[in-house]
Amino acid sequence: MRVKMVVAYDGTNYCGWQIQPNGVTIEQKLNEALTDLLQEPIKVTGASRTDAGVHSLGNVCIFDTNTRMPAEKISYALNTRLPEDIVVQDSCQVPESFHPRFSKSRKTYEYRILNQKFRNPTRRLDTHFYYYDLDVEAMQRAAAYLVGEHDFKSFASTGGQAETSIRTIYSLDVEKRDSIITIRVKGNGFLYNMVRIIAGTLIKVGAGEILPEEIPAILEAKDRSAAGPTAPAKGLTMIGLEYEENPAN
C-alpha cells in the first residue's frame, strides 16, 4: 500500500530534507526509522525539498510498503523512533496514483522576522533578526505586486531544475504582531529559494532601499540580480499543502 505522512520538523540540525552524502537530513531519518519499524527497506518521497535550516509544520511525503500495520497507526509507532525535532503529524493510506509533488496543490510558507533593537534568544532558531525598524506598510504595498501569475525568474536562485519560472501566488500577506513580522505566502509552487528571495526583497523595501513601485520592474527584468538578497533559512517555515483532490481513501 501507499502511505501518505504529514511531517513537522525543526530544521536547525539538518542539512535539509533531501539525502546528502555529507550530512544528516530529514529524509534520511525517516527512511531509517521506517525501515527499522516495518522491517523492510523504505524510501520516502517528499513534496518539498526544504533547504538546510528550514522548518516545517506540514511537509508531505509518501512511501510504499507491504506491512499489515494499519496506515493510520504508523505515525504513532514511528514517532517513538524519531528524534524529538521530527514528528509525524498524520499517516493515512492513499491511492497508488497519488504523488506529493505532481498532484495539484497549494503550498503555504511563512517567513518570520524579529524586528527589534536586541536579539531574543528564545526565537533565535525560527526567526531572522533585523534590528533596523522596517516599514510594514511599504512591505505590504510591495507584496501586492507579486500576487497573481508572473514570471518569477528574478526571484529564483540558479541551480533550480524547474522547466518554467512562471508561478501563481494566490496570497502574500505581511503583518506585524509585537516584534515579529510575518510574511505569509500561498502559491501553486515555488522556485528554488523563491520565498526567501521574496522575503529578502521585502526586507529591502521595509528598510527603504527598494521602493514598492519598483517591484513590477524587478519582475520584468527576469534577472536574479534585480531582486533583493536571499534571506537566511532559519526564518522560513513550510506551513503545509492543500491538495485539490483529497488523496486519502
Protein backbone atom coordinates (compact mmCIF):
# COMPACT_ATOMS: atom_id res chain seq x y z
CA MET A 1 0.00 0.00 0.00
CA ARG A 2 0.98 3.63 -0.41
CA VAL A 3 1.10 5.70 2.77
CA LYS A 4 0.99 9.48 3.00
CA MET A 5 2.54 11.24 6.00
CA VAL A 6 2.45 14.84 7.21
CA VAL A 7 5.77 15.70 8.83
CA ALA A 8 6.73 18.59 11.11
CA TYR A 9 10.35 19.33 11.94
CA ASP A 10 12.82 21.85 13.30
CA GLY A 11 15.38 22.02 10.52
CA THR A 12 18.14 23.61 12.64
CA ASN A 13 20.27 20.49 12.97
CA TYR A 14 19.71 19.09 9.48
CA CYS A 15 21.17 19.59 6.02
CA GLY A 16 17.68 19.97 4.57
CA TRP A 17 15.13 17.37 3.50
CA GLN A 18 16.93 15.54 0.71
CA ILE A 19 19.54 12.86 1.44
CA GLN A 20 23.07 14.25 1.23
CA PRO A 21 26.40 12.40 1.15
CA ASN A 22 27.98 14.62 3.82
CA GLY A 23 25.23 15.44 6.31
CA VAL A 24 22.18 14.23 8.22
CA THR A 25 18.80 15.02 6.61
CA ILE A 26 15.10 14.68 7.40
CA GLU A 27 14.60 12.15 4.60
CA GLN A 28 17.44 10.01 5.96
CA LYS A 29 15.98 9.94 9.48
CA LEU A 30 12.52 8.98 8.17
CA ASN A 31 13.94 6.22 5.96
CA GLU A 32 15.96 4.78 8.83
CA ALA A 33 13.09 4.85 11.31
CA LEU A 34 10.57 3.38 8.84
CA THR A 35 12.96 0.63 7.77
CA ASP A 36 13.50 -0.27 11.42
CA LEU A 37 9.77 -0.16 12.22
CA LEU A 38 8.45 -2.07 9.20
CA GLN A 39 11.41 -4.42 8.77
CA GLU A 40 11.69 -3.75 5.04
CA PRO A 41 13.69 -1.18 3.01
CA ILE A 42 11.71 2.07 2.88
CA LYS A 43 12.42 5.23 0.90
CA VAL A 44 10.12 8.24 1.29
CA THR A 45 9.35 10.79 -1.43
CA GLY A 46 8.68 14.32 -0.22
CA ALA A 47 6.55 17.13 -1.58
CA SER A 48 9.08 19.85 -0.78
CA ARG A 49 12.86 19.51 -0.58
CA THR A 50 13.36 22.14 2.08
CA ASP A 51 16.88 23.54 2.47
CA ALA A 52 19.24 23.26 5.43
CA GLY A 53 17.86 25.12 8.43
CA VAL A 54 14.32 25.46 7.06
CA HIS A 55 11.48 24.29 9.29
CA SER A 56 8.14 22.62 8.56
CA LEU A 57 4.77 22.22 10.21
CA GLY A 58 3.29 20.15 7.40
CA ASN A 59 5.58 18.76 4.71
CA VAL A 60 4.04 15.77 2.93
CA CYS A 61 5.72 12.55 1.88
CA ILE A 62 4.74 9.08 0.69
CA PHE A 63 6.21 5.60 0.75
CA ASP A 64 5.17 2.15 -0.40
CA THR A 65 5.09 -0.78 2.00
CA ASN A 66 3.98 -4.40 2.33
CA THR A 67 3.25 -4.06 6.04
CA ARG A 68 -0.01 -5.24 7.57
CA MET A 69 0.10 -2.42 10.11
CA PRO A 70 -2.82 -0.01 9.51
CA ALA A 71 -1.58 3.17 7.83
CA GLU A 72 -3.11 5.43 10.47
CA LYS A 73 -1.16 3.61 13.23
CA ILE A 74 2.23 4.09 11.57
CA SER A 75 2.59 7.70 12.76
CA TYR A 76 2.23 6.67 16.43
CA ALA A 77 4.78 3.87 16.18
CA LEU A 78 7.18 5.90 14.06
CA ASN A 79 7.31 8.87 16.42
CA THR A 80 8.81 6.67 19.15
CA ARG A 81 11.75 6.02 16.82
CA LEU A 82 12.34 9.56 15.57
CA PRO A 83 14.43 12.31 17.21
CA GLU A 84 12.44 14.91 19.14
CA ASP A 85 12.85 17.55 16.41
CA ILE A 86 10.96 15.43 13.81
CA VAL A 87 7.31 14.50 14.43
CA VAL A 88 4.86 12.78 12.08
CA GLN A 89 1.53 14.58 12.47
CA ASP A 90 -0.59 12.15 10.46
CA SER A 91 -0.39 8.99 8.37
CA CYS A 92 -3.03 7.50 6.07
CA GLN A 93 -3.41 5.23 3.07
CA VAL A 94 -3.69 6.92 -0.33
CA PRO A 95 -4.24 5.64 -3.89
CA GLU A 96 -1.20 4.27 -5.73
CA SER A 97 -1.57 7.13 -8.22
CA PHE A 98 -1.02 9.86 -5.61
CA HIS A 99 2.32 11.68 -5.78
CA PRO A 100 3.03 14.57 -3.36
CA ARG A 101 4.98 16.66 -5.89
CA PHE A 102 2.97 16.06 -9.04
CA SER A 103 -0.57 16.27 -7.63
CA LYS A 104 -2.04 19.78 -7.88
CA SER A 105 -1.73 21.64 -4.61
CA ARG A 106 -1.40 24.98 -2.88
CA LYS A 107 1.67 25.44 -0.71
CA THR A 108 1.88 27.87 2.17
CA TYR A 109 5.08 29.24 3.69
CA GLU A 110 5.78 31.78 6.41
CA TYR A 111 8.91 33.86 6.81
CA ARG A 112 9.34 35.42 10.25
CA ILE A 113 11.47 38.44 11.08
CA LEU A 114 12.32 39.50 14.63
CA ASN A 115 12.29 43.29 14.24
CA GLN A 116 13.51 44.90 17.45
CA LYS A 117 16.60 46.51 18.93
CA PHE A 118 18.09 43.41 20.55
CA ARG A 119 18.03 39.70 19.84
CA ASN A 120 15.58 37.38 21.60
CA PRO A 121 17.45 34.16 22.48
CA THR A 122 14.21 32.14 22.58
CA ARG A 123 13.47 33.00 18.91
CA ARG A 124 17.00 32.61 17.56
CA LEU A 125 16.22 29.35 15.71
CA ASP A 126 12.96 30.25 13.91
CA THR A 127 13.26 33.96 13.08
CA HIS A 128 15.63 36.22 11.17
CA PHE A 129 16.81 39.06 13.43
CA TYR A 130 16.76 42.54 11.88
CA TYR A 131 17.32 45.49 14.21
CA TYR A 132 16.51 48.48 11.96
CA ASP A 133 12.82 49.46 12.05
CA LEU A 134 11.05 48.08 8.98
CA ASP A 135 8.15 49.88 7.28
CA VAL A 136 5.50 47.17 7.27
CA GLU A 137 3.04 49.26 5.24
CA ALA A 138 5.61 49.65 2.45
CA MET A 139 6.27 45.90 2.57
CA GLN A 140 2.51 45.28 2.22
CA ARG A 141 2.29 47.55 -0.83
CA ALA A 142 5.25 45.81 -2.44
CA ALA A 143 3.82 42.36 -1.70
CA ALA A 144 0.60 43.21 -3.56
CA TYR A 145 2.54 43.49 -6.84
CA LEU A 146 3.68 39.86 -6.53
CA VAL A 147 0.18 38.36 -6.23
CA GLY A 148 -1.08 36.62 -9.38
CA GLU A 149 0.62 34.73 -12.19
CA HIS A 150 4.08 36.07 -13.06
CA ASP A 151 7.45 35.00 -14.37
CA PHE A 152 9.43 34.85 -11.10
CA LYS A 153 12.85 34.32 -12.69
CA SER A 154 14.19 37.35 -10.79
CA PHE A 155 13.19 35.60 -7.56
CA ALA A 156 14.91 32.25 -8.20
CA SER A 157 18.44 31.16 -7.35
CA THR A 158 20.48 29.47 -10.03
CA GLY A 159 20.66 25.70 -9.74
CA GLY A 160 16.93 25.02 -9.75
CA GLN A 161 15.56 22.35 -12.07
CA ALA A 162 12.14 23.83 -12.86
CA GLU A 163 11.06 23.71 -16.51
CA THR A 164 9.40 27.13 -16.25
CA SER A 165 9.75 30.10 -13.91
CA ILE A 166 6.07 31.06 -14.21
CA ARG A 167 4.22 30.61 -10.92
CA THR A 168 0.97 31.81 -9.35
CA ILE A 169 0.86 33.43 -5.93
CA TYR A 170 -2.67 33.35 -4.51
CA SER A 171 -1.96 35.50 -1.48
CA LEU A 172 1.00 37.31 0.07
CA ASP A 173 0.37 38.95 3.42
CA VAL A 174 2.70 40.92 5.68
CA GLU A 175 1.72 41.62 9.27
CA LYS A 176 3.45 42.62 12.50
CA ARG A 177 2.49 41.40 15.94
CA ASP A 178 4.62 42.68 18.80
CA SER A 179 8.15 42.42 17.38
CA ILE A 180 7.52 39.63 14.84
CA ILE A 181 6.88 40.47 11.19
CA THR A 182 5.34 37.51 9.38
CA ILE A 183 5.37 37.19 5.58
CA ARG A 184 2.81 34.52 4.65
CA VAL A 185 2.68 33.35 1.04
CA LYS A 186 0.44 30.81 -0.66
CA GLY A 187 1.08 29.62 -4.21
CA ASN A 188 0.81 26.75 -6.64
CA GLY A 189 4.54 26.12 -6.37
CA PHE A 190 7.81 27.91 -5.71
CA LEU A 191 11.15 28.13 -7.47
CA TYR A 192 14.47 27.40 -5.78
CA ASN A 193 14.85 29.85 -2.85
CA MET A 194 11.89 31.89 -4.18
CA VAL A 195 10.22 32.51 -0.82
CA ARG A 196 13.50 33.51 0.83
CA ILE A 197 14.29 35.89 -2.05
CA ILE A 198 10.81 37.43 -1.77
CA ALA A 199 11.45 37.88 1.96
CA GLY A 200 14.88 39.40 1.32
CA THR A 201 13.39 41.80 -1.23
CA LEU A 202 10.55 42.84 1.08
CA ILE A 203 13.08 43.48 3.86
CA LYS A 204 14.91 45.84 1.49
CA VAL A 205 11.57 47.55 0.83
CA GLY A 206 10.90 47.86 4.54
CA ALA A 207 14.35 49.36 5.03
CA GLY A 208 13.71 51.96 2.32
CA GLU A 209 16.33 50.59 -0.07
CA ILE A 210 13.75 49.45 -2.66
CA LEU A 211 10.51 51.30 -3.39
CA PRO A 212 7.30 49.25 -3.52
CA GLU A 213 6.65 50.63 -7.00
CA GLU A 214 9.91 49.07 -8.24
CA ILE A 215 8.59 45.50 -7.85
CA PRO A 216 6.97 45.32 -11.34
CA ALA A 217 10.30 46.32 -12.92
CA ILE A 218 12.11 43.67 -10.86
CA LEU A 219 9.68 41.04 -12.14
CA GLU A 220 10.03 42.29 -15.71
CA ALA A 221 13.84 42.15 -15.55
CA LYS A 222 13.79 38.32 -15.22
CA ASP A 223 17.24 38.71 -13.65
CA ARG A 224 18.21 37.41 -10.21
CA SER A 225 20.47 40.41 -9.58
CA ALA A 226 17.48 42.76 -9.83
CA ALA A 227 15.83 41.42 -6.65
CA GLY A 228 16.97 41.55 -3.05
CA PRO A 229 19.18 39.05 -1.21
CA THR A 230 18.19 35.54 -0.20
CA ALA A 231 17.01 35.83 3.42
CA PRO A 232 18.52 33.34 5.91
CA ALA A 233 16.96 29.86 6.02
CA LYS A 234 16.09 29.80 9.72
CA GLY A 235 13.29 32.35 9.31
CA LEU A 236 11.39 30.10 6.88
CA THR A 237 8.73 27.57 7.86
CA MET A 238 6.72 25.44 5.47
CA ILE A 239 3.19 25.61 6.88
CA GLY A 240 1.63 22.93 4.72
CA LEU A 241 -0.01 21.82 1.48
CA GLU A 242 -3.64 21.74 0.38
CA TYR A 243 -4.33 19.22 -2.38
CA GLU A 244 -7.07 19.97 -4.89
CA GLU A 245 -8.30 16.41 -4.54
CA ASN A 246 -8.21 14.71 -1.15
CA PRO A 247 -5.74 11.83 -1.66
CA ALA A 248 -6.86 9.86 1.39
CA ASN A 249 -9.09 6.83 0.89
